[in-house]
Amino acid sequence: MTLYFIGLGLDDRDISLKGLEAVKRCSSVYLEDYTGITPSVSSLEKLLGKRLFPADRKLVEESDEIIKNSKKGNVAFLASGDPLAATTHAELFLRAEKEGVECEIIHCTSIFSVIAETGLQLYRFGATASIPFPEKGFEPESFYDVIKQNKKLGLHTLLLLDLKPEQKRFLEIKEAIKILLKIEEKRKENVFRKETLCIGCARLGAKGKKIIFSKASDIIKMDFGNPPYCLIVPGKLHFMEEEMLNLFKC
């Protein structure tokens, strides 16, 4: 009896052959639906030949249902991107291990690999940061500090933009830029200005991806279409990175 953590990747048909074979061995299949954009349940059920049970944050973080079922038979836990890219999934993995459940991880493509499509070299990225939806009484600036620190080291910064799929809310690239410019206006530390070169990305790893490299003041005006989105602030560029980025210059 095994609990499989299976990545769905970033496109409808990214799941690996290894992942498909594991699903066939499972009596229960859960689809995590709150950390990323998942394919439609009906199309995924057709592809997998299995009924899918939705797994929201409460079921994953507060319930023992998945672990209990894993003690009775094979269970699959499906997640968009890579299955351990989200902290909440690692927490489920640790709980299952402590309960004596055998766990197997089946990786897939994630934002941390497909950002190479921009032409930036993966080993030249520094710490990653997330930009959350600003709320009343909650306007963090830690992501600004991450950009600042990475810039000092000449490293690129990947900024993950908040999303709440269950509410159909996705922080857009222009909104993220406005947040960063607002912090810059207040702190005046020359970390992110209108002239800052950055890369706006939408639907990386999927059909119809969009990548635009330009000044923040230009990107803020662009329509990137449907989510998911991310924003990259480059550090010191290698000549080959510059050549690749020119393909996406507007």
Foldseek 3Di string as FASTA:
>chain_A
DEEEQFECELENRFGDPVRLVLLVQWPAEEEEPWPDHYDDQVVNCVVNVDHYDYAYLCCLQPNCVQLVVLVVGYYYYYYYAFRVPDVSSVVSVVVSVVVVHHYDGHTTHHPLPLVCLLVDDSVQADDEEEQEDDDVVRQDDVLLVRLVVSQVVQGKYKYFYDDGVVVPDTQAPLNVLVSNCVVCVVPVPPRAHQQFWKWKWFSGPYPPIAIATGGSVVVSPDDRPDHDIIMMRGHHDDPSSVVSNVVRYD
